PDB file of N, CA and C in Angstrom:
ATOM      1  N   MET A   1       0.554  -0.999  -0.036  1.00  0.00           N
ATOM      2  CA  MET A   1       0.050   0.113   0.165  1.00  0.00           C
ATOM      3  C   MET A   1       0.822   1.308  -0.174  1.00  0.00           C
ATOM      4  N   ASP A   2       1.909   1.200   0.739  1.00  0.00           N
ATOM      5  CA  ASP A   2       2.955   2.233   0.599  1.00  0.00           C
ATOM      6  C   ASP A   2       3.496   2.727  -0.614  1.00  0.00           C
ATOM      7  N   TRP A   3       3.866   1.820  -1.642  1.00  0.00           N
ATOM      8  CA  TRP A   3       4.040   1.829  -2.975  1.00  0.00           C
ATOM      9  C   TRP A   3       3.000   2.895  -3.700  1.00  0.00           C
ATOM     10  N   VAL A   4       1.851   2.426  -3.530  1.00  0.00           N
ATOM     11  CA  VAL A   4       0.673   2.991  -4.128  1.00  0.00           C
ATOM     12  C   VAL A   4       0.416   4.710  -3.763  1.00  0.00           C
ATOM     13  N   ILE A   5       0.544   4.782  -2.350  1.00  0.00           N
ATOM     14  CA  ILE A   5       0.630   6.111  -1.834  1.00  0.00           C
ATOM     15  C   ILE A   5       1.587   6.753  -2.630  1.00  0.00           C
ATOM     16  N   LEU A   6       3.020   6.257  -2.659  1.00  0.00           N
ATOM     17  CA  LEU A   6       3.998   7.031  -3.194  1.00  0.00           C
ATOM     18  C   LEU A   6       4.101   7.451  -4.759  1.00  0.00           C
ATOM     19  N   VAL A   7       3.185   6.200  -5.595  1.00  0.00           N
ATOM     20  CA  VAL A   7       2.992   6.635  -7.106  1.00  0.00           C
ATOM     21  C   VAL A   7       1.713   7.906  -6.969  1.00  0.00           C
ATOM     22  N   VAL A   8       0.945   7.970  -6.327  1.00  0.00           N
ATOM     23  CA  VAL A   8      -0.071   8.583  -6.041  1.00  0.00           C
ATOM     24  C   VAL A   8       0.520   9.917  -5.709  1.00  0.00           C
ATOM     25  N   SER A   9       1.437  10.209  -4.752  1.00  0.00           N
ATOM     26  CA  SER A   9       2.005  11.210  -4.523  1.00  0.00           C
ATOM     27  C   SER A   9       2.759  12.072  -5.315  1.00  0.00           C
ATOM     28  N   GLY A  10       3.470  11.150  -6.169  1.00  0.00           N
ATOM     29  CA  GLY A  10       4.337  11.470  -6.923  1.00  0.00           C
ATOM     30  C   GLY A  10       3.694  11.906  -8.391  1.00  0.00           C
ATOM     31  N   ALA A  11       2.548  11.516  -8.611  1.00  0.00           N
ATOM     32  CA  ALA A  11       1.303  12.280  -9.524  1.00  0.00           C
ATOM     33  C   ALA A  11       1.305  13.403  -9.168  1.00  0.00           C
ATOM     34  N   MET A  12       0.785  13.630  -7.732  1.00  0.00           N
ATOM     35  CA  MET A  12       0.482  15.004  -6.936  1.00  0.00           C
ATOM     36  C   MET A  12       1.391  16.039  -7.183  1.00  0.00           C
ATOM     37  N   GLU A  13       2.630  15.370  -7.351  1.00  0.00           N
ATOM     38  CA  GLU A  13       3.604  16.454  -7.461  1.00  0.00           C
ATOM     39  C   GLU A  13       3.569  17.130  -9.008  1.00  0.00           C
ATOM     40  N   ALA A  14       3.303  16.344 -10.013  1.00  0.00           N
ATOM     41  CA  ALA A  14       2.917  16.754 -11.451  1.00  0.00           C
ATOM     42  C   ALA A  14       1.832  17.652 -11.195  1.00  0.00           C
ATOM     43  N   VAL A  15       0.861  17.630 -10.599  1.00  0.00           N
ATOM     44  CA  VAL A  15      -0.592  18.204 -10.337  1.00  0.00           C
ATOM     45  C   VAL A  15      -0.021  19.729 -10.011  1.00  0.00           C
ATOM     46  N   TRP A  16       1.003  19.658  -8.525  1.00  0.00           N
ATOM     47  CA  TRP A  16       1.448  20.732  -7.918  1.00  0.00           C
ATOM     48  C   TRP A  16       2.163  21.859  -9.265  1.00  0.00           C
ATOM     49  N   ALA A  17       2.848  20.961  -9.795  1.00  0.00           N
ATOM     50  CA  ALA A  17       3.857  21.758 -10.634  1.00  0.00           C
ATOM     51  C   ALA A  17       3.166  22.642 -11.944  1.00  0.00           C
ATOM     52  N   HIS A  18       2.211  21.909 -12.408  1.00  0.00           N
ATOM     53  CA  HIS A  18       1.350  22.296 -13.563  1.00  0.00           C
ATOM     54  C   HIS A  18       0.328  23.668 -12.989  1.00  0.00           C
ATOM     55  N   ALA A  19      -0.032  23.292 -11.459  1.00  0.00           N
ATOM     56  CA  ALA A  19      -0.815  24.367 -11.164  1.00  0.00           C
ATOM     57  C   ALA A  19       0.225  25.596 -10.640  1.00  0.00           C
ATOM     58  N   LEU A  20       1.415  25.345 -10.051  1.00  0.00           N
ATOM     59  CA  LEU A  20       2.147  26.757 -10.267  1.00  0.00           C
ATOM     60  C   LEU A  20       2.732  27.287 -11.279  1.00  0.00           C
ATOM     61  N   ASP A  21       2.589  26.705 -12.288  1.00  0.00           N
ATOM     62  CA  ASP A  21       2.972  27.136 -13.783  1.00  0.00           C
ATOM     63  C   ASP A  21       1.612  28.227 -13.939  1.00  0.00           C
ATOM     64  N   ARG A  22       0.713  27.605 -13.570  1.00  0.00           N
ATOM     65  CA  ARG A  22      -0.832  28.377 -13.958  1.00  0.00           C
ATOM     66  C   ARG A  22      -1.348  29.577 -13.158  1.00  0.00           C
ATOM     67  N   SER A  23      -0.453  29.669 -12.221  1.00  0.00           N
ATOM     68  CA  SER A  23      -0.758  30.347 -10.936  1.00  0.00           C
ATOM     69  C   SER A  23      -0.337  31.628 -11.241  1.00  0.00           C
ATOM     70  N   GLU A  24       0.531  31.657 -12.191  1.00  0.00           N
ATOM     71  CA  GLU A  24       1.253  32.966 -12.456  1.00  0.00           C
ATOM     72  C   GLU A  24       1.634  33.942 -11.221  1.00  0.00           C
ATOM     73  N   GLY A  25       2.584  33.202 -10.569  1.00  0.00           N
ATOM     74  CA  GLY A  25       2.952  34.195  -9.309  1.00  0.00           C
ATOM     75  C   GLY A  25       2.210  34.180  -8.395  1.00  0.00           C
ATOM     76  N   PHE A  26       1.319  33.130  -8.404  1.00  0.00           N
ATOM     77  CA  PHE A  26       0.059  33.105  -7.413  1.00  0.00           C
ATOM     78  C   PHE A  26      -0.950  34.228  -7.129  1.00  0.00           C
ATOM     79  N   SER A  27      -0.955  34.724  -8.470  1.00  0.00           N
ATOM     80  CA  SER A  27      -1.962  36.044  -8.763  1.00  0.00           C
ATOM     81  C   SER A  27      -3.413  34.978  -9.322  1.00  0.00           C
ATOM     82  N   GLN A  28      -3.331  34.225  -9.489  1.00  0.00           N
ATOM     83  CA  GLN A  28      -4.578  33.448  -9.903  1.00  0.00           C
ATOM     84  C   GLN A  28      -5.110  32.463  -8.830  1.00  0.00           C
ATOM     85  N   PRO A  29      -6.237  32.818  -8.308  1.00  0.00           N
ATOM     86  CA  PRO A  29      -6.685  31.974  -6.976  1.00  0.00           C
ATOM     87  C   PRO A  29      -7.017  30.539  -7.161  1.00  0.00           C
ATOM     88  N   VAL A  30      -7.505  30.200  -8.273  1.00  0.00           N
ATOM     89  CA  VAL A  30      -7.863  28.676  -8.380  1.00  0.00           C
ATOM     90  C   VAL A  30      -6.656  27.947  -8.521  1.00  0.00           C
ATOM     91  N   PRO A  31      -5.817  28.082  -9.352  1.00  0.00           N
ATOM     92  CA  PRO A  31      -4.352  27.298  -9.438  1.00  0.00           C
ATOM     93  C   PRO A  31      -3.726  27.407  -8.455  1.00  0.00           C
ATOM     94  N   SER A  32      -3.787  28.491  -7.399  1.00  0.00           N
ATOM     95  CA  SER A  32      -2.939  28.833  -6.255  1.00  0.00           C
ATOM     96  C   SER A  32      -3.458  28.009  -5.461  1.00  0.00           C
ATOM     97  N   ILE A  33      -4.571  27.589  -5.118  1.00  0.00           N
ATOM     98  CA  ILE A  33      -5.192  26.443  -4.301  1.00  0.00           C
ATOM     99  C   ILE A  33      -5.096  25.477  -4.666  1.00  0.00           C
ATOM    100  N   VAL A  34      -5.179  24.875  -5.974  1.00  0.00           N
ATOM    101  CA  VAL A  34      -4.956  23.740  -6.361  1.00  0.00           C
ATOM    102  C   VAL A  34      -3.439  23.199  -6.194  1.00  0.00           C
ATOM    103  N   PHE A  35      -2.578  24.383  -6.122  1.00  0.00           N
ATOM    104  CA  PHE A  35      -1.263  24.223  -5.984  1.00  0.00           C
ATOM    105  C   PHE A  35      -0.974  23.593  -4.680  1.00  0.00           C
ATOM    106  N   LEU A  36      -1.434  24.649  -3.606  1.00  0.00           N
ATOM    107  CA  LEU A  36      -1.191  24.261  -2.531  1.00  0.00           C
ATOM    108  C   LEU A  36      -1.899  22.976  -1.705  1.00  0.00           C
ATOM    109  N   VAL A  37      -3.061  22.467  -2.470  1.00  0.00           N
ATOM    110  CA  VAL A  37      -3.649  21.146  -2.110  1.00  0.00           C
ATOM    111  C   VAL A  37      -2.931  20.024  -2.421  1.00  0.00           C
ATOM    112  N   ALA A  38      -2.559  20.052  -3.851  1.00  0.00           N
ATOM    113  CA  ALA A  38      -1.661  19.158  -4.443  1.00  0.00           C
ATOM    114  C   ALA A  38      -0.354  19.046  -3.629  1.00  0.00           C
ATOM    115  N   LEU A  39       0.224  20.145  -3.261  1.00  0.00           N
ATOM    116  CA  LEU A  39       1.445  20.347  -2.671  1.00  0.00           C
ATOM    117  C   LEU A  39       1.429  19.380  -1.117  1.00  0.00           C
ATOM    118  N   ALA A  40       0.624  19.965  -0.407  1.00  0.00           N
ATOM    119  CA  ALA A  40       0.237  19.180   0.701  1.00  0.00           C
ATOM    120  C   ALA A  40      -0.053  17.548   0.630  1.00  0.00           C
ATOM    121  N   ALA A  41      -0.915  17.654  -0.207  1.00  0.00           N
ATOM    122  CA  ALA A  41      -0.900  16.048  -0.611  1.00  0.00           C
ATOM    123  C   ALA A  41       0.328  15.186  -1.048  1.00  0.00           C
ATOM    124  N   SER A  42       0.864  15.715  -1.962  1.00  0.00           N
ATOM    125  CA  SER A  42       2.128  15.248  -2.181  1.00  0.00           C
ATOM    126  C   SER A  42       3.373  14.802  -1.011  1.00  0.00           C
ATOM    127  N   MET A  43       3.253  15.917  -0.182  1.00  0.00           N
ATOM    128  CA  MET A  43       4.301  15.810   0.653  1.00  0.00           C
ATOM    129  C   MET A  43       3.663  14.980   1.854  1.00  0.00           C
ATOM    130  N   LEU A  44       2.457  14.838   2.148  1.00  0.00           N
ATOM    131  CA  LEU A  44       1.881  13.826   2.998  1.00  0.00           C
ATOM    132  C   LEU A  44       2.314  12.541   2.522  1.00  0.00           C
ATOM    133  N   GLY A  45       1.605  12.202   1.471  1.00  0.00           N
ATOM    134  CA  GLY A  45       1.896  10.697   0.800  1.00  0.00           C
ATOM    135  C   GLY A  45       3.644  10.214   0.774  1.00  0.00           C
ATOM    136  N   LEU A  46       4.718  11.303   0.473  1.00  0.00           N
ATOM    137  CA  LEU A  46       5.642  10.983   0.627  1.00  0.00           C
ATOM    138  C   LEU A  46       6.234  10.553   2.095  1.00  0.00           C
ATOM    139  N   SER A  47       5.990  11.336   2.695  1.00  0.00           N
ATOM    140  CA  SER A  47       6.315  11.190   4.354  1.00  0.00           C
ATOM    141  C   SER A  47       5.588  10.043   4.629  1.00  0.00           C
ATOM    142  N   HIS A  48       4.317   9.499   4.368  1.00  0.00           N
ATOM    143  CA  HIS A  48       3.901   8.395   4.920  1.00  0.00           C
ATOM    144  C   HIS A  48       4.233   7.143   4.519  1.00  0.00           C
ATOM    145  N   ALA A  49       4.879   7.487   3.061  1.00  0.00           N
ATOM    146  CA  ALA A  49       5.595   6.243   2.168  1.00  0.00           C
ATOM    147  C   ALA A  49       7.038   5.747   2.942  1.00  0.00           C
ATOM    148  N   VAL A  50       7.806   7.076   3.187  1.00  0.00           N
ATOM    149  CA  VAL A  50       9.043   6.795   3.773  1.00  0.00           C
ATOM    150  C   VAL A  50       9.098   6.312   5.223  1.00  0.00           C
ATOM    151  N   ARG A  51       8.150   5.827   5.661  1.00  0.00           N
ATOM    152  CA  ARG A  51       8.051   4.999   7.338  1.00  0.00           C
ATOM    153  C   ARG A  51       8.257   3.792   6.803  1.00  0.00           C
ATOM    154  N   THR A  52       8.333   3.083   5.525  1.00  0.00           N
ATOM    155  CA  THR A  52       8.426   1.855   4.942  1.00  0.00           C
ATOM    156  C   THR A  52       9.538   1.613   4.034  1.00  0.00           C
ATOM    157  N   ILE A  53       9.162   2.626   3.342  1.00  0.00           N
ATOM    158  CA  ILE A  53      10.550   2.674   2.018  1.00  0.00           C
ATOM    159  C   ILE A  53      11.672   3.500   2.082  1.00  0.00           C
ATOM    160  N   PRO A  54      12.871   2.899   1.948  1.00  0.00           N
ATOM    161  CA  PRO A  54      13.698   3.845   1.959  1.00  0.00           C
ATOM    162  C   PRO A  54      14.160   5.054   1.793  1.00  0.00           C
ATOM    163  N   LEU A  55      14.138   6.274   2.080  1.00  0.00           N
ATOM    164  CA  LEU A  55      14.111   7.510   1.603  1.00  0.00           C
ATOM    165  C   LEU A  55      14.690   7.624   0.547  1.00  0.00           C
ATOM    166  N   GLY A  56      15.836   7.273   0.282  1.00  0.00           N
ATOM    167  CA  GLY A  56      16.788   7.804  -0.941  1.00  0.00           C
ATOM    168  C   GLY A  56      15.677   6.893  -2.061  1.00  0.00           C
ATOM    169  N   THR A  57      15.055   5.837  -1.956  1.00  0.00           N
ATOM    170  CA  THR A  57      14.320   5.012  -2.918  1.00  0.00           C
ATOM    171  C   THR A  57      13.023   5.976  -3.100  1.00  0.00           C
ATOM    172  N   ALA A  58      12.317   6.027  -1.871  1.00  0.00           N
ATOM    173  CA  ALA A  58      11.007   6.894  -1.975  1.00  0.00           C
ATOM    174  C   ALA A  58      11.399   8.035  -2.730  1.00  0.00           C
ATOM    175  N   TYR A  59      12.190   8.893  -2.205  1.00  0.00           N
ATOM    176  CA  TYR A  59      12.366  10.134  -3.046  1.00  0.00           C
ATOM    177  C   TYR A  59      12.613  10.244  -4.712  1.00  0.00           C
ATOM    178  N   ALA A  60      13.682   9.042  -5.014  1.00  0.00           N
ATOM    179  CA  ALA A  60      13.962   8.987  -6.218  1.00  0.00           C
ATOM    180  C   ALA A  60      12.933   8.504  -6.962  1.00  0.00           C
ATOM    181  N   VAL A  61      12.096   7.964  -6.402  1.00  0.00           N
ATOM    182  CA  VAL A  61      10.591   7.398  -7.163  1.00  0.00           C
ATOM    183  C   VAL A  61       9.950   8.414  -7.371  1.00  0.00           C
ATOM    184  N   TRP A  62       9.677   9.310  -6.249  1.00  0.00           N
ATOM    185  CA  TRP A  62       8.391  10.354  -6.067  1.00  0.00           C
ATOM    186  C   TRP A  62       8.884  11.315  -7.348  1.00  0.00           C
ATOM    187  N   VAL A  63      10.387  11.918  -7.167  1.00  0.00           N
ATOM    188  CA  VAL A  63      10.540  12.849  -8.293  1.00  0.00           C
ATOM    189  C   VAL A  63      10.531  12.435  -9.754  1.00  0.00           C
ATOM    190  N   GLY A  64      10.803  11.221  -9.956  1.00  0.00           N
ATOM    191  CA  GLY A  64      10.803  10.361 -10.967  1.00  0.00           C
ATOM    192  C   GLY A  64       9.482  10.528 -11.638  1.00  0.00           C
ATOM    193  N   ILE A  65       8.643  10.239 -10.903  1.00  0.00           N
ATOM    194  CA  ILE A  65       7.404  10.396 -11.342  1.00  0.00           C
ATOM    195  C   ILE A  65       6.510  11.644 -11.706  1.00  0.00           C
ATOM    196  N   GLY A  66       6.902  12.415 -10.609  1.00  0.00           N
ATOM    197  CA  GLY A  66       6.670  13.726 -10.947  1.00  0.00           C
ATOM    198  C   GLY A  66       7.099  14.064 -12.142  1.00  0.00           C
ATOM    199  N   ALA A  67       8.486  14.258 -12.322  1.00  0.00           N
ATOM    200  CA  ALA A  67       9.145  14.744 -13.438  1.00  0.00           C
ATOM    201  C   ALA A  67       8.676  13.988 -14.794  1.00  0.00           C
ATOM    202  N   ALA A  68       8.326  12.850 -14.901  1.00  0.00           N
ATOM    203  CA  ALA A  68       8.048  12.232 -16.030  1.00  0.00           C
ATOM    204  C   ALA A  68       6.342  12.643 -16.443  1.00  0.00           C
ATOM    205  N   LEU A  69       5.793  12.729 -15.558  1.00  0.00           N
ATOM    206  CA  LEU A  69       4.313  13.250 -15.802  1.00  0.00           C
ATOM    207  C   LEU A  69       4.277  14.802 -16.012  1.00  0.00           C
ATOM    208  N   THR A  70       5.160  15.394 -15.591  1.00  0.00           N
ATOM    209  CA  THR A  70       4.878  16.863 -15.897  1.00  0.00           C
ATOM    210  C   THR A  70       5.512  17.028 -17.340  1.00  0.00           C
ATOM    211  N   VAL A  71       6.524  16.575 -17.780  1.00  0.00           N
ATOM    212  CA  VAL A  71       6.935  16.447 -18.945  1.00  0.00           C
ATOM    213  C   VAL A  71       5.841  15.598 -20.078  1.00  0.00           C
ATOM    214  N   ALA A  72       5.525  14.902 -19.616  1.00  0.00           N
ATOM    215  CA  ALA A  72       4.529  14.171 -20.555  1.00  0.00           C
ATOM    216  C   ALA A  72       3.143  15.081 -20.718  1.00  0.00           C
ATOM    217  N   TRP A  73       2.607  15.790 -19.575  1.00  0.00           N
ATOM    218  CA  TRP A  73       1.675  16.654 -19.784  1.00  0.00           C
ATOM    219  C   TRP A  73       1.981  17.804 -20.580  1.00  0.00           C
ATOM    220  N   GLY A  74       3.272  18.072 -20.381  1.00  0.00           N
ATOM    221  CA  GLY A  74       3.426  19.666 -21.285  1.00  0.00           C
ATOM    222  C   GLY A  74       3.838  19.194 -22.621  1.00  0.00           C
ATOM    223  N   VAL A  75       4.293  17.889 -22.960  1.00  0.00           N
ATOM    224  CA  VAL A  75       4.063  17.401 -24.542  1.00  0.00           C
ATOM    225  C   VAL A  75       2.487  17.257 -24.952  1.00  0.00           C
ATOM    226  N   VAL A  76       1.818  16.634 -24.369  1.00  0.00           N
ATOM    227  CA  VAL A  76       0.734  16.417 -24.588  1.00  0.00           C
ATOM    228  C   VAL A  76      -0.107  17.820 -24.762  1.00  0.00           C
ATOM    229  N   SER A  77      -0.197  18.377 -23.836  1.00  0.00           N
ATOM    230  CA  SER A  77      -0.902  19.889 -23.837  1.00  0.00           C
ATOM    231  C   SER A  77      -0.325  20.882 -24.911  1.00  0.00           C
ATOM    232  N   GLY A  78       0.653  20.498 -25.214  1.00  0.00           N
ATOM    233  CA  GLY A  78       1.383  21.703 -26.089  1.00  0.00           C
ATOM    234  C   GLY A  78       2.316  22.431 -25.867  1.00  0.00           C
ATOM    235  N   ALA A  79       2.517  22.675 -24.184  1.00  0.00           N
ATOM    236  CA  ALA A  79       3.082  23.532 -23.717  1.00  0.00           C
ATOM    237  C   ALA A  79       4.849  23.238 -23.857  1.00  0.00           C
ATOM    238  N   GLU A  80       5.000  22.151 -24.205  1.00  0.00           N
ATOM    239  CA  GLU A  80       6.551  21.672 -24.476  1.00  0.00           C
ATOM    240  C   GLU A  80       6.445  20.915 -25.986  1.00  0.00           C
ATOM    241  N   SER A  81       7.726  21.100 -26.541  1.00  0.00           N
ATOM    242  CA  SER A  81       7.923  20.436 -27.671  1.00  0.00           C
ATOM    243  C   SER A  81       7.917  19.089 -27.648  1.00  0.00           C
ATOM    244  N   PHE A  82       7.654  18.300 -28.729  1.00  0.00           N
ATOM    245  CA  PHE A  82       7.691  16.616 -28.865  1.00  0.00           C
ATOM    246  C   PHE A  82       9.233  16.704 -29.702  1.00  0.00           C
ATOM    247  N   SER A  83       9.953  15.509 -28.991  1.00  0.00           N
ATOM    248  CA  SER A  83      10.935  14.740 -29.690  1.00  0.00           C
ATOM    249  C   SER A  83      11.036  13.654 -28.923  1.00  0.00           C
ATOM    250  N   TRP A  84      11.564  12.711 -30.219  1.00  0.00           N
ATOM    251  CA  TRP A  84      11.950  11.429 -29.822  1.00  0.00           C
ATOM    252  C   TRP A  84      12.819  11.162 -28.372  1.00  0.00           C
ATOM    253  N   ALA A  85      13.886  11.902 -28.544  1.00  0.00           N
ATOM    254  CA  ALA A  85      15.239  12.053 -27.509  1.00  0.00           C
ATOM    255  C   ALA A  85      14.377  12.479 -26.263  1.00  0.00           C
ATOM    256  N   LYS A  86      13.385  13.424 -26.054  1.00  0.00           N
ATOM    257  CA  LYS A  86      12.635  13.620 -24.990  1.00  0.00           C
ATOM    258  C   LYS A  86      11.849  12.404 -24.405  1.00  0.00           C
ATOM    259  N   ILE A  87      11.130  11.548 -25.249  1.00  0.00           N
ATOM    260  CA  ILE A  87      10.333  10.348 -24.902  1.00  0.00           C
ATOM    261  C   ILE A  87      11.444   9.291 -24.556  1.00  0.00           C
ATOM    262  N   LEU A  88      12.369   9.104 -24.967  1.00  0.00           N
ATOM    263  CA  LEU A  88      13.484   8.024 -24.827  1.00  0.00           C
ATOM    264  C   LEU A  88      13.996   8.489 -23.497  1.00  0.00           C
ATOM    265  N   LEU A  89      14.135   9.653 -23.236  1.00  0.00           N
ATOM    266  CA  LEU A  89      14.816   9.998 -21.908  1.00  0.00           C
ATOM    267  C   LEU A  89      13.801   9.683 -20.742  1.00  0.00           C
ATOM    268  N   ILE A  90      12.438  10.177 -20.898  1.00  0.00           N
ATOM    269  CA  ILE A  90      11.743   9.952 -19.917  1.00  0.00           C
ATOM    270  C   ILE A  90      11.399   8.670 -19.563  1.00  0.00           C
ATOM    271  N   ALA A  91      11.739   7.808 -20.754  1.00  0.00           N
ATOM    272  CA  ALA A  91      11.450   6.550 -20.397  1.00  0.00           C
ATOM    273  C   ALA A  91      12.518   5.681 -19.750  1.00  0.00           C
ATOM    274  N   GLY A  92      13.768   6.105 -20.179  1.00  0.00           N
ATOM    275  CA  GLY A  92      14.832   5.725 -19.247  1.00  0.00           C
ATOM    276  C   GLY A  92      14.725   6.125 -17.889  1.00  0.00           C
ATOM    277  N   LEU A  93      14.058   7.145 -17.355  1.00  0.00           N
ATOM    278  CA  LEU A  93      13.907   7.521 -16.126  1.00  0.00           C
ATOM    279  C   LEU A  93      12.804   6.683 -15.707  1.00  0.00           C
ATOM    280  N   VAL A  94      11.835   6.206 -16.070  1.00  0.00           N
ATOM    281  CA  VAL A  94      10.864   5.526 -15.651  1.00  0.00           C
ATOM    282  C   VAL A  94      11.248   4.150 -15.093  1.00  0.00           C
ATOM    283  N   ALA A  95      12.350   3.699 -16.355  1.00  0.00           N
ATOM    284  CA  ALA A  95      12.855   2.397 -16.287  1.00  0.00           C
ATOM    285  C   ALA A  95      13.622   2.327 -15.027  1.00  0.00           C
ATOM    286  N   CYS A  96      14.467   3.479 -14.578  1.00  0.00           N
ATOM    287  CA  CYS A  96      15.266   3.751 -13.630  1.00  0.00           C
ATOM    288  C   CYS A  96      14.206   3.594 -12.316  1.00  0.00           C
ATOM    289  N   VAL A  97      13.184   4.197 -12.240  1.00  0.00           N
ATOM    290  CA  VAL A  97      12.358   4.262 -11.314  1.00  0.00           C
ATOM    291  C   VAL A  97      11.769   2.802 -10.844  1.00  0.00           C
ATOM    292  N   VAL A  98      11.295   1.919 -12.039  1.00  0.00           N
ATOM    293  CA  VAL A  98      11.039   0.587 -11.893  1.00  0.00           C
ATOM    294  C   VAL A  98      11.950  -0.306 -11.283  1.00  0.00           C
ATOM    295  N   GLY A  99      13.503  -0.003 -11.886  1.00  0.00           N
ATOM    296  CA  GLY A  99      14.480  -0.796 -11.176  1.00  0.00           C
ATOM    297  C   GLY A  99      14.694  -0.392  -9.959  1.00  0.00           C
ATOM    298  N   LEU A 100      14.278   0.667  -9.210  1.00  0.00           N
ATOM    299  CA  LEU A 100      14.395   1.062  -8.024  1.00  0.00           C
ATOM    300  C   LEU A 100      13.449   0.082  -7.056  1.00  0.00           C
ATOM    301  N   LYS A 101      12.499   0.111  -7.481  1.00  0.00           N
ATOM    302  CA  LYS A 101      11.292  -0.769  -6.597  1.00  0.00           C
ATOM    303  C   LYS A 101      11.839  -2.472  -6.878  1.00  0.00           C
ATOM    304  N   LEU A 102      12.425  -2.804  -8.129  1.00  0.00           N
ATOM    305  CA  LEU A 102      12.570  -4.257  -8.126  1.00  0.00           C
ATOM    306  C   LEU A 102      13.786  -4.539  -7.131  1.00  0.00           C
ATOM    307  N   VAL A 103      14.735  -3.419  -7.071  1.00  0.00           N
ATOM    308  CA  VAL A 103      16.129  -3.641  -6.383  1.00  0.00           C
ATOM    309  C   VAL A 103      15.635  -4.001  -5.073  1.00  0.00           C
ATOM    310  N   GLY A 104      14.796  -3.169  -4.500  1.00  0.00           N
ATOM    311  CA  GLY A 104      14.428  -2.849  -3.134  1.00  0.00           C
ATOM    312  C   GLY A 104      13.597  -4.124  -2.630  1.00  0.00           C
ATOM    313  N   GLU A 105      13.110  -4.834  -3.654  1.00  0.00           N
ATOM    314  CA  GLU A 105      12.408  -5.902  -2.969  1.00  0.00           C
ATOM    315  C   GLU A 105      13.212  -7.078  -3.124  1.00  0.00           C
ATOM    316  N   THR A 106      14.397  -7.064  -3.695  1.00  0.00           N
ATOM    317  CA  THR A 106      15.432  -7.983  -3.737  1.00  0.00           C
ATOM    318  C   THR A 106      16.229  -8.389  -2.568  1.00  0.00           C
ATOM    319  N   HIS A 107      16.134  -7.187  -1.732  1.00  0.00           N
ATOM    320  CA  HIS A 107      16.932  -7.102  -0.270  1.00  0.00           C
ATOM    321  C   HIS A 107      16.389  -6.969   0.911  1.00  0.00           C
TER     322      HIS A 107
END
């Protein structure tokens, strides 16, 4: 269950990152509120997950999921340009995150 919470909190990282961008320096109330709620959910999930998942692994997974989803949403929404190199690098990041989980289960 802690891994599910970690994945969801990583997704919340992507939500707060995009809300931060949309908040225009916290001048827009709705994106600013979304940012604060998603940030709190993300941090609470990460803090819960590190009770049973080693901090280094949990943090790397959390950041990796957040970064991958943030870039993916940027490409899908048109805010960022598409390139095969970018997709390949994000796929490598996801592979590393999966690898950290698999290595953690064998020890």
